[in-house]
Amino acid sequence: MAPRKVTQDELAGAARAALGGGRRLERVERLAGGTSKGVYRLIMDDAMTAIAYLWEDSENYWPATAWDGDPADPFSSGGGLHYFEAARTRLAAAGLRVPALYLADHDRAYYLADLAIVEDFPHDLEELLAYDRLAARPAVDRLCGALDTMRGYRAPSFGRVAQIDGGGRSRAMSGEAAALEFALRCLAEASARDARVAAVRDELDDKLHALAQAVQPRAEHSIVHGELDLGHVMVDRDGWPVLIDIENLMYFDVEWEHAFLRLRLHPDYQLVAGDGLDEDRLALYMLTQRLSLTAGPLRILDSDYPDRDFMLEIADHNANEALRWLGSSRPSTLTGCCAKQCWA
C-alpha cells in the first residue's frame, strides 16, 4: 500500500523526547527511496535535524511471502527496531562509527509502530564522490578500513546478527546452503514473472547447483551489511563513514558483501575491492544476487510502488546478466586492487 502521510503532530512528542532542550518540531520531510520502512527528516525550530525510522505496514511496499519474518533464515525479509538495535550494537562494539540513537520507542509510547530517531548527516558517500572525488578520498579510505574490520571479525555461526547474538541459530547447514536455497527461491519467483528466465529455468537451476557444489566448506563468518552501496554510507562532519540501513546485518561470508559491491559499484568497485576472496563462493553469490535483483523488483511491482520504471530497469538488467552465466563458467568480473591506486 502507499504510505500514508505522517504528520508533524504525530511525531512532535517523539521529537521532543528525543532531542529535548526546549526544541519544537517545525517540519517533517519524507525522504525518498525506502521500500520497507519510512524515513523522515525532522527539522526542529533551531535548525537541528534528525532522522526518524518508522517500521509500520503502511511504509512497507513489499508484498508478503511465505518466508517473511523467519529469523532462522538469513535472507528472510523482515526488520524493525529489534534488528536495528542489534546491528547498531554489533557495529559499535567492533569500533565502527554508527548513527547516534536519540530515541528507541520500544513500548510505542510516542508512535503506533516501531520508531527510532537517530543522528542526521550532511550527505552520503555516493553524493560526495560525484561532487568531489579527491575530497571523498579520506572517507573511502576509512570505509576500506571499516570493511577490513568487519571482514576480520569472527562470529560463532552464520545468520542475522539479531538472531545469533540473541542465542539463536540459522536453519541451513552452511552459508552456501542458505544462499542456494535463497537463489532457487528467487529463480522460481523470477521465472513466474519473466519469460526469458522461465525459458531457461532448468539450466539456471543446474548452474546454481554446480556453483554450490564447487564451494569448499568454511567455518569462518564475518560481519556483512548485505546490501552495501555508497548510498548506504553516510559521511559525518569529520569525514568518517557511517553505515545505514543496517537491519539486515548478518554474520556471513565476506564474498556476499563483495558480490553486491561489485554488482552495485561497477566500475567504482576498485575503490573498495577486497583481496584474497574465494572465487567459487563469489561466483555462487554473484549469480544468486543477480536472480534476487530480478525477482525482488518484479515482486515489488505487485504493490503500488511509485517508481515502476526504475524497478523494471533493475529487473531487466539483472535478468540479462543472470542469463550470461549460461554457457560459460562465469562472466568476467573486476579484479581486486588497492583503493589508493584508483585516485590518479
C-alpha atoms as a PDB file:
ATOM      1  CA  MET A   1       0.000   0.000   0.000  1.00  0.00           C
ATOM      2  CA  ALA A   2       1.093   3.585  -0.467  1.00  0.00           C
ATOM      3  CA  PRO A   3       2.491   5.204   2.672  1.00  0.00           C
ATOM      4  CA  ARG A   4       0.071   7.392   4.495  1.00  0.00           C
ATOM      5  CA  LYS A   5       1.057  10.970   5.207  1.00  0.00           C
ATOM      6  CA  VAL A   6       2.787  11.147   8.589  1.00  0.00           C
ATOM      7  CA  THR A   7       2.029  14.480  10.142  1.00  0.00           C
ATOM      8  CA  GLN A   8       4.114  16.849  12.209  1.00  0.00           C
ATOM      9  CA  ASP A   9       1.719  16.409  15.119  1.00  0.00           C
ATOM     10  CA  GLU A  10       2.213  12.627  15.110  1.00  0.00           C
ATOM     11  CA  LEU A  11       5.972  12.943  15.544  1.00  0.00           C
ATOM     12  CA  ALA A  12       6.110  16.069  17.723  1.00  0.00           C
ATOM     13  CA  GLY A  13       6.123  14.181  21.032  1.00  0.00           C
ATOM     14  CA  ALA A  14       8.799  11.735  19.915  1.00  0.00           C
ATOM     15  CA  ALA A  15      10.945  14.564  18.565  1.00  0.00           C
ATOM     16  CA  ARG A  16      10.640  16.463  21.826  1.00  0.00           C
ATOM     17  CA  ALA A  17      11.566  13.372  23.854  1.00  0.00           C
ATOM     18  CA  ALA A  18      14.489  12.542  21.588  1.00  0.00           C
ATOM     19  CA  LEU A  19      16.017  15.968  21.066  1.00  0.00           C
ATOM     20  CA  GLY A  20      14.845  17.910  24.110  1.00  0.00           C
ATOM     21  CA  GLY A  21      16.436  21.206  25.044  1.00  0.00           C
ATOM     22  CA  GLY A  22      13.199  23.125  24.643  1.00  0.00           C
ATOM     23  CA  ARG A  23      13.218  22.441  20.913  1.00  0.00           C
ATOM     24  CA  ARG A  24       9.994  22.240  18.948  1.00  0.00           C
ATOM     25  CA  LEU A  25       9.398  20.200  15.797  1.00  0.00           C
ATOM     26  CA  GLU A  26       8.916  22.669  12.972  1.00  0.00           C
ATOM     27  CA  ARG A  27       8.715  20.451   9.889  1.00  0.00           C
ATOM     28  CA  VAL A  28       8.733  16.817   8.754  1.00  0.00           C
ATOM     29  CA  GLU A  29      10.084  15.725   5.365  1.00  0.00           C
ATOM     30  CA  ARG A  30       9.628  12.226   3.975  1.00  0.00           C
ATOM     31  CA  LEU A  31      12.844  11.049   2.291  1.00  0.00           C
ATOM     32  CA  ALA A  32      12.598   9.135  -0.964  1.00  0.00           C
ATOM     33  CA  GLY A  33      13.901   5.648  -1.643  1.00  0.00           C
ATOM     34  CA  GLY A  34      12.708   3.499   1.240  1.00  0.00           C
ATOM     35  CA  THR A  35      10.770   0.345   0.382  1.00  0.00           C
ATOM     36  CA  SER A  36      10.342  -1.370   3.762  1.00  0.00           C
ATOM     37  CA  LYS A  37      10.336   1.463   6.302  1.00  0.00           C
ATOM     38  CA  GLY A  38       9.518   5.146   6.373  1.00  0.00           C
ATOM     39  CA  VAL A  39      12.439   7.542   6.627  1.00  0.00           C
ATOM     40  CA  TYR A  40      11.652  11.095   7.700  1.00  0.00           C
ATOM     41  CA  ARG A  41      13.830  14.101   8.387  1.00  0.00           C
ATOM     42  CA  LEU A  42      12.782  16.027  11.482  1.00  0.00           C
ATOM     43  CA  ILE A  43      13.592  19.750  11.364  1.00  0.00           C
ATOM     44  CA  MET A  44      13.489  21.485  14.708  1.00  0.00           C
ATOM     45  CA  ASP A  45      12.827  25.186  15.312  1.00  0.00           C
ATOM     46  CA  ASP A  46      16.540  25.818  15.992  1.00  0.00           C
ATOM     47  CA  ALA A  47      17.522  24.121  12.666  1.00  0.00           C
ATOM     48  CA  MET A  48      18.736  20.933  14.336  1.00  0.00           C
ATOM     49  CA  THR A  49      17.773  17.871  12.292  1.00  0.00           C
ATOM     50  CA  ALA A  50      17.400  14.171  12.990  1.00  0.00           C
ATOM     51  CA  ILE A  51      16.092  11.122  11.136  1.00  0.00           C
ATOM     52  CA  ALA A  52      13.026   9.130  12.165  1.00  0.00           C
ATOM     53  CA  TYR A  53      12.705   5.494  11.094  1.00  0.00           C
ATOM     54  CA  LEU A  54       9.171   4.103  11.098  1.00  0.00           C
ATOM     55  CA  TRP A  55       8.690   0.367  10.711  1.00  0.00           C
ATOM     56  CA  GLU A  56       4.990   0.067  10.008  1.00  0.00           C
ATOM     57  CA  ASP A  57       2.965  -1.850   7.462  1.00  0.00           C
ATOM     58  CA  SER A  58       1.870   1.258   5.593  1.00  0.00           C
ATOM     59  CA  GLU A  59       5.540   2.088   4.868  1.00  0.00           C
ATOM     60  CA  ASN A  60       6.363  -1.381   3.545  1.00  0.00           C
ATOM     61  CA  TYR A  61       5.803  -1.807  -0.180  1.00  0.00           C
ATOM     62  CA  TRP A  62       6.880  -5.459  -0.289  1.00  0.00           C
ATOM     63  CA  PRO A  63       4.074  -7.984  -0.892  1.00  0.00           C
ATOM     64  CA  ALA A  64       4.082 -10.695   1.741  1.00  0.00           C
ATOM     65  CA  THR A  65       5.656 -14.083   1.057  1.00  0.00           C
ATOM     66  CA  ALA A  66       5.598 -17.398   2.888  1.00  0.00           C
ATOM     67  CA  TRP A  67       9.184 -16.910   4.107  1.00  0.00           C
ATOM     68  CA  ASP A  68       8.853 -13.424   5.581  1.00  0.00           C
ATOM     69  CA  GLY A  69       9.838 -12.836   9.187  1.00  0.00           C
ATOM     70  CA  ASP A  70      11.818 -16.052   9.698  1.00  0.00           C
ATOM     71  CA  PRO A  71      14.795 -15.168  11.932  1.00  0.00           C
ATOM     72  CA  ALA A  72      16.414 -18.541  11.209  1.00  0.00           C
ATOM     73  CA  ASP A  73      16.677 -17.666   7.508  1.00  0.00           C
ATOM     74  CA  PRO A  74      19.412 -15.072   6.825  1.00  0.00           C
ATOM     75  CA  PHE A  75      17.607 -13.991   3.649  1.00  0.00           C
ATOM     76  CA  SER A  76      14.123 -13.711   5.043  1.00  0.00           C
ATOM     77  CA  SER A  77      12.674 -10.231   4.777  1.00  0.00           C
ATOM     78  CA  GLY A  78      11.697  -8.513   7.965  1.00  0.00           C
ATOM     79  CA  GLY A  79      13.064  -5.704  10.047  1.00  0.00           C
ATOM     80  CA  GLY A  80      12.202  -3.463  12.904  1.00  0.00           C
ATOM     81  CA  LEU A  81      13.651  -1.761  15.917  1.00  0.00           C
ATOM     82  CA  HIS A  82      14.985  -5.016  17.387  1.00  0.00           C
ATOM     83  CA  TYR A  83      17.045  -5.790  14.287  1.00  0.00           C
ATOM     84  CA  PHE A  84      18.248  -2.201  14.002  1.00  0.00           C
ATOM     85  CA  GLU A  85      19.436  -2.039  17.597  1.00  0.00           C
ATOM     86  CA  ALA A  86      21.181  -5.419  17.429  1.00  0.00           C
ATOM     87  CA  ALA A  87      23.021  -4.367  14.267  1.00  0.00           C
ATOM     88  CA  ARG A  88      23.973  -0.989  15.689  1.00  0.00           C
ATOM     89  CA  THR A  89      25.282  -2.609  18.879  1.00  0.00           C
ATOM     90  CA  ARG A  90      27.414  -5.084  16.943  1.00  0.00           C
ATOM     91  CA  LEU A  91      28.939  -2.436  14.664  1.00  0.00           C
ATOM     92  CA  ALA A  92      29.676  -0.132  17.588  1.00  0.00           C
ATOM     93  CA  ALA A  93      31.297  -2.992  19.534  1.00  0.00           C
ATOM     94  CA  ALA A  94      33.550  -3.588  16.525  1.00  0.00           C
ATOM     95  CA  GLY A  95      34.703   0.022  16.756  1.00  0.00           C
ATOM     96  CA  LEU A  96      32.794   1.349  13.752  1.00  0.00           C
ATOM     97  CA  ARG A  97      31.048   4.716  13.561  1.00  0.00           C
ATOM     98  CA  VAL A  98      27.279   4.294  13.900  1.00  0.00           C
ATOM     99  CA  PRO A  99      24.426   6.830  13.991  1.00  0.00           C
ATOM    100  CA  ALA A 100      23.734   8.222  17.432  1.00  0.00           C
ATOM    101  CA  LEU A 101      20.448   6.816  18.750  1.00  0.00           C
ATOM    102  CA  TYR A 102      18.343   9.565  20.320  1.00  0.00           C
ATOM    103  CA  LEU A 103      15.177   7.559  20.915  1.00  0.00           C
ATOM    104  CA  ALA A 104      14.137   3.922  20.661  1.00  0.00           C
ATOM    105  CA  ASP A 105      10.391   3.672  21.224  1.00  0.00           C
ATOM    106  CA  HIS A 106      10.111   0.042  22.332  1.00  0.00           C
ATOM    107  CA  ASP A 107       6.756   0.488  24.020  1.00  0.00           C
ATOM    108  CA  ARG A 108       5.226   2.576  21.220  1.00  0.00           C
ATOM    109  CA  ALA A 109       4.668   5.364  23.689  1.00  0.00           C
ATOM    110  CA  TYR A 110       5.132   8.023  21.008  1.00  0.00           C
ATOM    111  CA  TYR A 111       4.004   6.297  17.814  1.00  0.00           C
ATOM    112  CA  LEU A 112       1.778   3.446  16.701  1.00  0.00           C
ATOM    113  CA  ALA A 113       4.669   1.358  15.304  1.00  0.00           C
ATOM    114  CA  ASP A 114       8.364   0.710  15.882  1.00  0.00           C
ATOM    115  CA  LEU A 115      10.155   4.059  15.894  1.00  0.00           C
ATOM    116  CA  ALA A 116      13.758   5.163  16.213  1.00  0.00           C
ATOM    117  CA  ILE A 117      15.136   8.687  15.997  1.00  0.00           C
ATOM    118  CA  VAL A 118      18.770   8.848  15.010  1.00  0.00           C
ATOM    119  CA  GLU A 119      21.525  11.213  14.008  1.00  0.00           C
ATOM    120  CA  ASP A 120      21.287  13.020  10.675  1.00  0.00           C
ATOM    121  CA  PHE A 121      24.259  13.523   8.342  1.00  0.00           C
ATOM    122  CA  PRO A 122      25.031  16.143   5.687  1.00  0.00           C
ATOM    123  CA  HIS A 123      25.487  13.749   2.747  1.00  0.00           C
ATOM    124  CA  ASP A 124      26.244  10.195   1.700  1.00  0.00           C
ATOM    125  CA  LEU A 125      29.441   8.892   0.140  1.00  0.00           C
ATOM    126  CA  GLU A 126      27.844   8.462  -3.275  1.00  0.00           C
ATOM    127  CA  GLU A 127      26.992  12.177  -3.359  1.00  0.00           C
ATOM    128  CA  LEU A 128      30.441  13.146  -2.110  1.00  0.00           C
ATOM    129  CA  LEU A 129      32.169  11.059  -4.773  1.00  0.00           C
ATOM    130  CA  ALA A 130      30.045  12.586  -7.520  1.00  0.00           C
ATOM    131  CA  TYR A 131      30.779  16.101  -6.274  1.00  0.00           C
ATOM    132  CA  ASP A 132      34.489  15.851  -5.492  1.00  0.00           C
ATOM    133  CA  ARG A 133      36.366  12.548  -5.724  1.00  0.00           C
ATOM    134  CA  LEU A 134      39.504  13.891  -4.092  1.00  0.00           C
ATOM    135  CA  ALA A 135      37.539  15.290  -1.176  1.00  0.00           C
ATOM    136  CA  ALA A 136      35.890  11.874  -0.799  1.00  0.00           C
ATOM    137  CA  ARG A 137      39.193  10.028  -0.602  1.00  0.00           C
ATOM    138  CA  PRO A 138      39.592  10.090   3.210  1.00  0.00           C
ATOM    139  CA  ALA A 139      36.076   8.738   3.685  1.00  0.00           C
ATOM    140  CA  VAL A 140      36.680   5.982   1.115  1.00  0.00           C
ATOM    141  CA  ASP A 141      39.955   5.016   2.780  1.00  0.00           C
ATOM    142  CA  ARG A 142      38.180   4.864   6.124  1.00  0.00           C
ATOM    143  CA  LEU A 143      35.388   2.787   4.578  1.00  0.00           C
ATOM    144  CA  CYS A 144      38.018   0.320   3.365  1.00  0.00           C
ATOM    145  CA  GLY A 145      39.294   0.168   6.919  1.00  0.00           C
ATOM    146  CA  ALA A 146      35.772  -0.447   8.206  1.00  0.00           C
ATOM    147  CA  LEU A 147      35.297  -3.256   5.674  1.00  0.00           C
ATOM    148  CA  ASP A 148      38.583  -4.809   6.810  1.00  0.00           C
ATOM    149  CA  THR A 149      37.384  -4.643  10.427  1.00  0.00           C
ATOM    150  CA  MET A 150      34.086  -6.293   9.510  1.00  0.00           C
ATOM    151  CA  ARG A 151      35.892  -8.938   7.474  1.00  0.00           C
ATOM    152  CA  GLY A 152      38.278  -9.709  10.331  1.00  0.00           C
ATOM    153  CA  TYR A 153      35.500 -10.314  12.872  1.00  0.00           C
ATOM    154  CA  ARG A 154      34.818 -13.971  13.668  1.00  0.00           C
ATOM    155  CA  ALA A 155      31.242 -14.833  14.587  1.00  0.00           C
ATOM    156  CA  PRO A 156      30.198 -18.076  16.294  1.00  0.00           C
ATOM    157  CA  SER A 157      27.948 -19.031  13.356  1.00  0.00           C
ATOM    158  CA  PHE A 158      26.223 -17.529  10.328  1.00  0.00           C
ATOM    159  CA  GLY A 159      22.875 -15.752  10.299  1.00  0.00           C
ATOM    160  CA  ARG A 160      21.159 -12.480  11.119  1.00  0.00           C
ATOM    161  CA  VAL A 161      23.051 -10.626  13.832  1.00  0.00           C
ATOM    162  CA  ALA A 162      19.929 -10.217  15.965  1.00  0.00           C
ATOM    163  CA  GLN A 163      19.280 -13.953  15.756  1.00  0.00           C
ATOM    164  CA  ILE A 164      22.804 -15.163  16.522  1.00  0.00           C
ATOM    165  CA  ASP A 165      23.589 -12.587  19.211  1.00  0.00           C
ATOM    166  CA  GLY A 166      20.269 -13.480  20.826  1.00  0.00           C
ATOM    167  CA  GLY A 167      21.372 -17.102  21.194  1.00  0.00           C
ATOM    168  CA  GLY A 168      19.596 -18.454  18.105  1.00  0.00           C
ATOM    169  CA  ARG A 169      20.896 -20.174  15.030  1.00  0.00           C
ATOM    170  CA  SER A 170      20.164 -20.451  11.324  1.00  0.00           C
ATOM    171  CA  ARG A 171      18.278 -23.376   9.902  1.00  0.00           C
ATOM    172  CA  ALA A 172      20.573 -24.213   6.975  1.00  0.00           C
ATOM    173  CA  MET A 173      23.691 -26.301   7.448  1.00  0.00           C
ATOM    174  CA  SER A 174      26.018 -23.687   5.932  1.00  0.00           C
ATOM    175  CA  GLY A 175      26.061 -20.222   4.457  1.00  0.00           C
ATOM    176  CA  GLU A 176      26.351 -21.537   0.933  1.00  0.00           C
ATOM    177  CA  ALA A 177      23.412 -23.901   1.540  1.00  0.00           C
ATOM    178  CA  ALA A 178      21.304 -20.969   2.754  1.00  0.00           C
ATOM    179  CA  ALA A 179      22.347 -18.949  -0.290  1.00  0.00           C
ATOM    180  CA  LEU A 180      21.471 -21.786  -2.663  1.00  0.00           C
ATOM    181  CA  GLU A 181      18.026 -22.128  -1.069  1.00  0.00           C
ATOM    182  CA  PHE A 182      17.525 -18.371  -1.459  1.00  0.00           C
ATOM    183  CA  ALA A 183      18.762 -18.453  -5.073  1.00  0.00           C
ATOM    184  CA  LEU A 184      16.328 -21.216  -6.009  1.00  0.00           C
ATOM    185  CA  ARG A 185      13.515 -19.267  -4.384  1.00  0.00           C
ATOM    186  CA  CYS A 186      14.459 -16.192  -6.429  1.00  0.00           C
ATOM    187  CA  LEU A 187      14.718 -18.289  -9.566  1.00  0.00           C
ATOM    188  CA  ALA A 188      11.194 -19.601  -9.044  1.00  0.00           C
ATOM    189  CA  GLU A 189       9.879 -16.073  -8.472  1.00  0.00           C
ATOM    190  CA  ALA A 190      11.694 -14.626 -11.461  1.00  0.00           C
ATOM    191  CA  SER A 191      10.523 -17.463 -13.706  1.00  0.00           C
ATOM    192  CA  ALA A 192       6.918 -16.734 -12.765  1.00  0.00           C
ATOM    193  CA  ARG A 193       7.282 -13.113 -13.872  1.00  0.00           C
ATOM    194  CA  ASP A 194       9.877 -13.057 -16.660  1.00  0.00           C
ATOM    195  CA  ALA A 195       9.517 -15.255 -19.746  1.00  0.00           C
ATOM    196  CA  ARG A 196      13.243 -15.099 -20.521  1.00  0.00           C
ATOM    197  CA  VAL A 197      14.120 -16.579 -17.152  1.00  0.00           C
ATOM    198  CA  ALA A 198      11.299 -19.119 -17.352  1.00  0.00           C
ATOM    199  CA  ALA A 199      12.629 -20.388 -20.675  1.00  0.00           C
ATOM    200  CA  VAL A 200      15.985 -21.327 -19.123  1.00  0.00           C
ATOM    201  CA  ARG A 201      14.888 -22.101 -15.575  1.00  0.00           C
ATOM    202  CA  ASP A 202      16.236 -25.654 -15.654  1.00  0.00           C
ATOM    203  CA  GLU A 203      19.600 -24.512 -16.998  1.00  0.00           C
ATOM    204  CA  LEU A 204      19.889 -21.848 -14.289  1.00  0.00           C
ATOM    205  CA  ASP A 205      18.893 -24.409 -11.669  1.00  0.00           C
ATOM    206  CA  ASP A 206      21.693 -26.681 -12.876  1.00  0.00           C
ATOM    207  CA  LYS A 207      24.156 -23.804 -12.919  1.00  0.00           C
ATOM    208  CA  LEU A 208      23.325 -22.843  -9.321  1.00  0.00           C
ATOM    209  CA  HIS A 209      23.775 -26.393  -8.096  1.00  0.00           C
ATOM    210  CA  ALA A 210      27.076 -26.716  -9.972  1.00  0.00           C
ATOM    211  CA  LEU A 211      28.364 -23.468  -8.481  1.00  0.00           C
ATOM    212  CA  ALA A 212      27.277 -24.540  -4.994  1.00  0.00           C
ATOM    213  CA  GLN A 213      28.952 -27.925  -5.394  1.00  0.00           C
ATOM    214  CA  ALA A 214      32.270 -26.226  -6.201  1.00  0.00           C
ATOM    215  CA  VAL A 215      32.275 -24.260  -2.919  1.00  0.00           C
ATOM    216  CA  GLN A 216      34.533 -25.710  -0.242  1.00  0.00           C
ATOM    217  CA  PRO A 217      33.331 -25.754   3.379  1.00  0.00           C
ATOM    218  CA  ARG A 218      34.236 -22.814   5.593  1.00  0.00           C
ATOM    219  CA  ALA A 219      33.756 -22.222   9.306  1.00  0.00           C
ATOM    220  CA  GLU A 220      34.639 -18.510   9.425  1.00  0.00           C
ATOM    221  CA  HIS A 221      31.906 -15.866   9.295  1.00  0.00           C
ATOM    222  CA  SER A 222      32.392 -12.103   9.208  1.00  0.00           C
ATOM    223  CA  ILE A 223      30.129  -9.099   9.750  1.00  0.00           C
ATOM    224  CA  VAL A 224      28.295  -8.406   6.488  1.00  0.00           C
ATOM    225  CA  HIS A 225      25.983  -5.488   5.715  1.00  0.00           C
ATOM    226  CA  GLY A 226      24.388  -7.407   2.857  1.00  0.00           C
ATOM    227  CA  GLU A 227      23.226  -4.545   0.647  1.00  0.00           C
ATOM    228  CA  LEU A 228      26.141  -2.173   0.900  1.00  0.00           C
ATOM    229  CA  ASP A 229      26.448   0.574  -1.664  1.00  0.00           C
ATOM    230  CA  LEU A 230      27.751   4.095  -1.317  1.00  0.00           C
ATOM    231  CA  GLY A 231      24.238   5.448  -0.812  1.00  0.00           C
ATOM    232  CA  HIS A 232      24.120   3.392   2.390  1.00  0.00           C
ATOM    233  CA  VAL A 233      27.279   5.056   3.682  1.00  0.00           C
ATOM    234  CA  MET A 234      26.749   8.461   5.227  1.00  0.00           C
ATOM    235  CA  VAL A 235      29.676  10.769   5.927  1.00  0.00           C
ATOM    236  CA  ASP A 236      29.811  12.687   9.191  1.00  0.00           C
ATOM    237  CA  ARG A 237      31.205  16.195   9.595  1.00  0.00           C
ATOM    238  CA  ASP A 238      34.631  14.799  10.462  1.00  0.00           C
ATOM    239  CA  GLY A 239      34.759  12.683   7.320  1.00  0.00           C
ATOM    240  CA  TRP A 240      34.013   9.313   8.927  1.00  0.00           C
ATOM    241  CA  PRO A 241      31.809   6.807   7.071  1.00  0.00           C
ATOM    242  CA  VAL A 242      28.632   5.678   8.837  1.00  0.00           C
ATOM    243  CA  LEU A 243      26.689   2.603   7.691  1.00  0.00           C
ATOM    244  CA  ILE A 244      22.904   2.937   7.496  1.00  0.00           C
ATOM    245  CA  ASP A 245      20.048   0.590   6.510  1.00  0.00           C
ATOM    246  CA  ILE A 246      21.654  -1.970   8.778  1.00  0.00           C
ATOM    247  CA  GLU A 247      18.650  -4.037   9.879  1.00  0.00           C
ATOM    248  CA  ASN A 248      19.722  -6.971   7.682  1.00  0.00           C
ATOM    249  CA  LEU A 249      23.248  -7.054   9.126  1.00  0.00           C
ATOM    250  CA  MET A 250      24.376 -10.644   9.343  1.00  0.00           C
ATOM    251  CA  TYR A 251      27.290 -12.919  10.063  1.00  0.00           C
ATOM    252  CA  PHE A 252      28.158 -14.415   6.724  1.00  0.00           C
ATOM    253  CA  ASP A 253      30.843 -14.879   4.092  1.00  0.00           C
ATOM    254  CA  VAL A 254      32.716 -11.748   3.108  1.00  0.00           C
ATOM    255  CA  GLU A 255      32.185 -12.776  -0.528  1.00  0.00           C
ATOM    256  CA  TRP A 256      28.473 -11.978  -0.161  1.00  0.00           C
ATOM    257  CA  GLU A 257      29.383  -8.375   0.648  1.00  0.00           C
ATOM    258  CA  HIS A 258      31.819  -8.097  -2.227  1.00  0.00           C
ATOM    259  CA  ALA A 259      29.455  -9.732  -4.701  1.00  0.00           C
ATOM    260  CA  PHE A 260      26.945  -6.967  -4.011  1.00  0.00           C
ATOM    261  CA  LEU A 261      29.642  -4.278  -4.062  1.00  0.00           C
ATOM    262  CA  ARG A 262      30.847  -5.498  -7.456  1.00  0.00           C
ATOM    263  CA  LEU A 263      27.360  -5.523  -8.909  1.00  0.00           C
ATOM    264  CA  ARG A 264      26.389  -2.178  -7.449  1.00  0.00           C
ATOM    265  CA  LEU A 265      29.576  -0.106  -7.761  1.00  0.00           C
ATOM    266  CA  HIS A 266      30.992  -1.232 -11.094  1.00  0.00           C
ATOM    267  CA  PRO A 267      33.369   0.330 -12.156  1.00  0.00           C
ATOM    268  CA  ASP A 268      33.930   2.092  -8.819  1.00  0.00           C
ATOM    269  CA  TYR A 269      34.281  -1.268  -7.084  1.00  0.00           C
ATOM    270  CA  GLN A 270      38.022  -0.806  -7.472  1.00  0.00           C
ATOM    271  CA  LEU A 271      37.817   1.793  -4.698  1.00  0.00           C
ATOM    272  CA  VAL A 272      36.862  -0.818  -2.091  1.00  0.00           C
ATOM    273  CA  ALA A 273      37.970  -4.066  -3.750  1.00  0.00           C
ATOM    274  CA  GLY A 274      38.905  -6.947  -1.476  1.00  0.00           C
ATOM    275  CA  ASP A 275      41.873  -9.257  -1.911  1.00  0.00           C
ATOM    276  CA  GLY A 276      42.010 -12.992  -1.354  1.00  0.00           C
ATOM    277  CA  LEU A 277      38.338 -13.686  -1.974  1.00  0.00           C
ATOM    278  CA  ASP A 278      37.153 -17.231  -2.681  1.00  0.00           C
ATOM    279  CA  GLU A 279      36.243 -17.104  -6.368  1.00  0.00           C
ATOM    280  CA  ASP A 280      33.994 -20.175  -6.226  1.00  0.00           C
ATOM    281  CA  ARG A 281      31.999 -18.761  -3.342  1.00  0.00           C
ATOM    282  CA  LEU A 282      31.927 -15.358  -5.031  1.00  0.00           C
ATOM    283  CA  ALA A 283      30.570 -16.902  -8.232  1.00  0.00           C
ATOM    284  CA  LEU A 284      27.664 -18.579  -6.432  1.00  0.00           C
ATOM    285  CA  TYR A 285      26.825 -15.380  -4.607  1.00  0.00           C
ATOM    286  CA  MET A 286      27.010 -13.187  -7.680  1.00  0.00           C
ATOM    287  CA  LEU A 287      24.536 -15.328  -9.628  1.00  0.00           C
ATOM    288  CA  THR A 288      22.319 -15.557  -6.535  1.00  0.00           C
ATOM    289  CA  GLN A 289      22.241 -11.782  -6.264  1.00  0.00           C
ATOM    290  CA  ARG A 290      21.511 -11.367  -9.969  1.00  0.00           C
ATOM    291  CA  LEU A 291      18.449 -13.560  -9.505  1.00  0.00           C
ATOM    292  CA  SER A 292      17.487 -11.726  -6.315  1.00  0.00           C
ATOM    293  CA  LEU A 293      17.729  -8.393  -8.139  1.00  0.00           C
ATOM    294  CA  THR A 294      15.471  -9.788 -10.850  1.00  0.00           C
ATOM    295  CA  ALA A 295      12.837 -11.384  -8.632  1.00  0.00           C
ATOM    296  CA  GLY A 296      12.684  -8.665  -5.963  1.00  0.00           C
ATOM    297  CA  PRO A 297      11.996  -5.668  -8.215  1.00  0.00           C
ATOM    298  CA  LEU A 298       9.400  -7.663 -10.165  1.00  0.00           C
ATOM    299  CA  ARG A 299       7.678  -8.704  -6.936  1.00  0.00           C
ATOM    300  CA  ILE A 300       7.521  -5.158  -5.597  1.00  0.00           C
ATOM    301  CA  LEU A 301       5.658  -4.191  -8.773  1.00  0.00           C
ATOM    302  CA  ASP A 302       2.747  -6.249  -7.428  1.00  0.00           C
ATOM    303  CA  SER A 303       2.340  -3.346  -4.989  1.00  0.00           C
ATOM    304  CA  ASP A 304       1.728   0.319  -5.747  1.00  0.00           C
ATOM    305  CA  TYR A 305       5.399   1.260  -5.543  1.00  0.00           C
ATOM    306  CA  PRO A 306       5.586   4.575  -7.419  1.00  0.00           C
ATOM    307  CA  ASP A 307       8.866   4.388  -9.376  1.00  0.00           C
ATOM    308  CA  ARG A 308       7.918   1.433 -11.521  1.00  0.00           C
ATOM    309  CA  ASP A 309      10.235   2.225 -14.426  1.00  0.00           C
ATOM    310  CA  PHE A 310      13.213   2.194 -12.068  1.00  0.00           C
ATOM    311  CA  MET A 311      12.313  -1.253 -10.719  1.00  0.00           C
ATOM    312  CA  LEU A 312      11.715  -2.602 -14.218  1.00  0.00           C
ATOM    313  CA  GLU A 313      15.117  -1.327 -15.276  1.00  0.00           C
ATOM    314  CA  ILE A 314      16.810  -3.090 -12.348  1.00  0.00           C
ATOM    315  CA  ALA A 315      14.978  -6.342 -13.056  1.00  0.00           C
ATOM    316  CA  ASP A 316      15.663  -6.242 -16.795  1.00  0.00           C
ATOM    317  CA  HIS A 317      19.371  -5.540 -16.354  1.00  0.00           C
ATOM    318  CA  ASN A 318      19.887  -8.272 -13.776  1.00  0.00           C
ATOM    319  CA  ALA A 319      17.864 -10.838 -15.699  1.00  0.00           C
ATOM    320  CA  ASN A 320      20.110 -10.242 -18.702  1.00  0.00           C
ATOM    321  CA  GLU A 321      23.197 -10.562 -16.515  1.00  0.00           C
ATOM    322  CA  ALA A 322      21.894 -13.812 -14.988  1.00  0.00           C
ATOM    323  CA  LEU A 323      21.387 -15.282 -18.448  1.00  0.00           C
ATOM    324  CA  ARG A 324      25.018 -14.526 -19.269  1.00  0.00           C
ATOM    325  CA  TRP A 325      26.038 -17.215 -16.797  1.00  0.00           C
ATOM    326  CA  LEU A 326      24.684 -19.917 -19.081  1.00  0.00           C
ATOM    327  CA  GLY A 327      27.224 -21.426 -21.434  1.00  0.00           C
ATOM    328  CA  SER A 328      30.220 -20.075 -19.505  1.00  0.00           C
ATOM    329  CA  SER A 329      31.927 -20.882 -16.234  1.00  0.00           C
ATOM    330  CA  ARG A 330      31.260 -17.338 -15.047  1.00  0.00           C
ATOM    331  CA  PRO A 331      31.149 -13.861 -16.572  1.00  0.00           C
ATOM    332  CA  SER A 332      34.299 -11.828 -16.164  1.00  0.00           C
ATOM    333  CA  THR A 333      34.464  -9.715 -13.000  1.00  0.00           C
ATOM    334  CA  LEU A 334      36.685  -6.915 -11.811  1.00  0.00           C
ATOM    335  CA  THR A 335      39.947  -7.917 -10.198  1.00  0.00           C
ATOM    336  CA  GLY A 336      40.868  -6.541  -6.816  1.00  0.00           C
ATOM    337  CA  CYS A 337      43.194  -3.596  -6.353  1.00  0.00           C
ATOM    338  CA  CYS A 338      44.295  -1.288  -3.621  1.00  0.00           C
ATOM    339  CA  ALA A 339      41.856   1.595  -3.257  1.00  0.00           C
ATOM    340  CA  LYS A 340      44.715   4.093  -3.233  1.00  0.00           C
ATOM    341  CA  GLN A 341      45.643   3.081  -6.794  1.00  0.00           C
ATOM    342  CA  CYS A 342      42.305   4.320  -8.103  1.00  0.00           C
ATOM    343  CA  TRP A 343      42.730   8.017  -7.382  1.00  0.00           C
ATOM    344  CA  ALA A 344      45.076   9.006 -10.207  1.00  0.00           C
END
